[in-house]
């Protein structure tokens, strides 16, 4: 009897940019919002269960770009001398784009980030070299969905509808 398995590679849907900066997450977020003309918002901190960093929570920012139909995440990669993704310890933050984003667009983003004050460098992350990348991306998507589910249950009151 043959065993059939299904493996879905999430790395095809994402582009990840590593960012090196000494800024606090909220200051970096403010800079990125200005430079990239987006509106990243802080949501609940993110935890990715690994042996070395169980229970660690990392800053998580989210924006949905309606023009490009991309989800954009900014996640801190460092907390208390541990890294969220140990294979890229040089990155202080991860800027993740879910959806179609060409290599040319990624290069343009990296170039713009490198020119930004207080960003030391930015680089494209080779996701194929990170063993846990698929499970990390799955956890990221679940975190986003949990946030959206909360927003639907508890919508922010914006005034009466006329």
Protein backbone atom coordinates (compact mmCIF):
# COMPACT_ATOMS: atom_id res chain seq x y z
CA UNK A 1 0.00 0.00 0.00
CA UNK A 2 1.42 3.38 -1.02
CA UNK A 3 1.28 6.33 1.30
CA UNK A 4 0.31 9.63 -0.30
CA UNK A 5 1.24 12.85 1.45
CA UNK A 6 0.47 16.44 0.67
CA UNK A 7 3.07 19.11 1.30
CA UNK A 8 2.08 22.72 0.83
CA UNK A 9 4.96 25.15 0.53
CA UNK A 10 3.90 28.53 1.92
CA UNK A 11 7.19 30.13 0.95
CA UNK A 12 5.83 30.65 -2.57
CA UNK A 13 3.29 33.17 -1.21
CA UNK A 14 5.70 35.24 0.86
CA UNK A 15 8.65 37.57 0.55
CA UNK A 16 10.67 38.21 3.70
CA UNK A 17 13.05 41.11 4.22
CA UNK A 18 15.41 41.18 7.18
CA UNK A 19 15.97 44.60 8.74
CA UNK A 20 18.84 45.59 11.01
CA UNK A 21 18.04 48.60 13.18
CA UNK A 22 18.63 49.71 16.75
CA UNK A 23 15.26 51.45 16.87
CA UNK A 24 12.46 50.29 19.13
CA UNK A 25 9.71 48.48 17.23
CA UNK A 26 7.21 51.36 17.38
CA UNK A 27 9.77 53.90 16.09
CA UNK A 28 10.79 51.60 13.24
CA UNK A 29 7.11 51.06 12.46
CA UNK A 30 6.55 54.84 12.30
CA UNK A 31 9.52 55.19 9.90
CA UNK A 32 8.27 52.35 7.70
CA UNK A 33 4.78 53.83 7.58
CA UNK A 34 6.23 57.13 6.33
CA UNK A 35 8.73 55.69 3.86
CA UNK A 36 6.52 52.94 2.41
CA UNK A 37 3.25 54.91 2.64
CA UNK A 38 1.51 52.18 4.63
CA UNK A 39 -0.26 52.04 8.00
CA UNK A 40 1.16 49.19 10.08
CA UNK A 41 -0.83 48.76 13.29
CA UNK A 42 0.28 46.97 16.44
CA UNK A 43 -1.68 43.85 17.25
CA UNK A 44 -1.18 41.18 19.91
CA UNK A 45 2.39 40.00 20.36
CA UNK A 46 3.36 36.84 18.51
CA UNK A 47 4.86 33.65 19.90
CA UNK A 48 6.38 30.87 17.86
CA UNK A 49 6.91 27.74 19.91
CA UNK A 50 10.43 26.46 19.63
CA UNK A 51 12.55 24.54 22.10
CA UNK A 52 14.87 27.48 22.87
CA UNK A 53 12.31 30.26 23.15
CA UNK A 54 9.06 28.81 24.46
CA UNK A 55 6.78 31.52 25.75
CA UNK A 56 8.74 34.43 24.24
CA UNK A 57 6.47 37.06 22.70
CA UNK A 58 7.60 39.18 19.76
CA UNK A 59 6.14 42.50 18.57
CA UNK A 60 3.75 42.11 15.68
CA UNK A 61 2.44 44.82 13.33
CA UNK A 62 0.00 44.30 10.46
CA UNK A 63 -1.33 46.16 7.42
CA UNK A 64 -3.51 45.06 4.52
CA UNK A 65 -2.68 46.93 1.32
CA UNK A 66 -5.91 47.10 -0.67
CA UNK A 67 -4.14 48.39 -3.80
CA UNK A 68 -1.77 45.45 -4.15
CA UNK A 69 -3.92 43.03 -2.12
CA UNK A 70 -0.95 42.13 0.03
CA UNK A 71 -0.78 41.46 3.74
CA UNK A 72 2.25 43.16 5.27
CA UNK A 73 3.71 42.14 8.63
CA UNK A 74 6.50 43.58 10.72
CA UNK A 75 7.69 41.18 13.40
CA UNK A 76 10.54 41.69 15.83
CA UNK A 77 13.13 38.97 15.49
CA UNK A 78 14.93 39.56 18.79
CA UNK A 79 13.85 39.42 22.41
CA UNK A 80 15.89 38.79 25.56
CA UNK A 81 18.98 37.57 23.69
CA UNK A 82 17.03 35.07 21.61
CA UNK A 83 15.96 35.20 17.98
CA UNK A 84 12.56 34.28 16.63
CA UNK A 85 14.22 32.75 13.58
CA UNK A 86 17.62 31.52 14.72
CA UNK A 87 18.93 31.05 11.17
CA UNK A 88 18.90 34.84 10.65
CA UNK A 89 20.19 36.25 13.95
CA UNK A 90 21.52 39.37 12.21
CA UNK A 91 17.97 40.60 11.52
CA UNK A 92 16.39 42.67 14.26
CA UNK A 93 13.05 42.71 12.42
CA UNK A 94 11.28 40.78 9.68
CA UNK A 95 9.20 42.62 7.10
CA UNK A 96 6.96 40.03 5.48
CA UNK A 97 4.79 40.45 2.42
CA UNK A 98 2.10 37.89 1.69
CA UNK A 99 0.73 37.91 -1.84
CA UNK A 100 2.21 38.69 -5.20
CA UNK A 101 5.36 40.80 -4.94
CA UNK A 102 7.89 40.66 -7.76
CA UNK A 103 11.62 40.39 -7.17
CA UNK A 104 11.98 43.86 -8.68
CA UNK A 105 9.54 45.27 -6.10
CA UNK A 106 11.44 43.53 -3.29
CA UNK A 107 14.71 45.06 -4.55
CA UNK A 108 13.05 48.50 -4.66
CA UNK A 109 11.78 48.04 -1.08
CA UNK A 110 15.22 46.97 0.13
CA UNK A 111 16.81 49.96 -1.59
CA UNK A 112 14.29 52.35 0.01
CA UNK A 113 14.82 50.75 3.43
CA UNK A 114 18.61 51.07 3.18
CA UNK A 115 18.20 54.82 2.53
CA UNK A 116 15.99 55.26 5.60
CA UNK A 117 17.45 56.90 8.70
CA UNK A 118 18.25 54.49 11.54
CA UNK A 119 18.03 51.38 9.35
CA UNK A 120 21.52 49.92 9.18
CA UNK A 121 20.74 47.45 6.40
CA UNK A 122 18.00 45.40 4.82
CA UNK A 123 18.27 42.15 2.90
CA UNK A 124 16.14 39.50 1.24
CA UNK A 125 15.80 36.34 3.31
CA UNK A 126 16.31 33.02 1.53
CA UNK A 127 13.41 31.11 3.06
CA UNK A 128 14.50 27.77 1.58
CA UNK A 129 17.47 27.69 3.97
CA UNK A 130 15.27 27.90 7.06
CA UNK A 131 13.96 24.51 8.07
CA UNK A 132 11.05 25.77 10.20
CA UNK A 133 9.90 28.44 7.73
CA UNK A 134 6.65 26.69 6.71
CA UNK A 135 5.55 26.19 10.30
CA UNK A 136 6.57 29.79 11.10
CA UNK A 137 4.46 31.12 8.20
CA UNK A 138 1.53 28.94 9.26
CA UNK A 139 1.72 30.33 12.81
CA UNK A 140 1.92 33.87 11.41
CA UNK A 141 -1.25 33.32 9.36
CA UNK A 142 -3.07 31.85 12.36
CA UNK A 143 -2.04 34.85 14.46
CA UNK A 144 -3.41 37.20 11.80
CA UNK A 145 -6.67 35.24 11.54
CA UNK A 146 -7.14 35.32 15.33
CA UNK A 147 -6.73 39.09 15.25
CA UNK A 148 -9.27 39.45 12.43
CA UNK A 149 -11.71 37.19 14.28
CA UNK A 150 -11.45 39.41 17.37
CA UNK A 151 -12.04 42.50 15.25
CA UNK A 152 -15.22 41.02 13.79
CA UNK A 153 -16.56 40.08 17.25
CA UNK A 154 -15.65 43.44 18.78
CA UNK A 155 -15.83 46.08 16.07
CA UNK A 156 -14.60 49.52 17.00
CA UNK A 157 -17.52 51.94 17.32
CA UNK A 158 -16.97 54.72 14.81
CA UNK A 159 -20.17 56.70 15.29
CA UNK A 160 -23.75 56.43 14.10
CA UNK A 161 -24.57 55.41 10.55
CA UNK A 162 -26.79 57.90 8.77
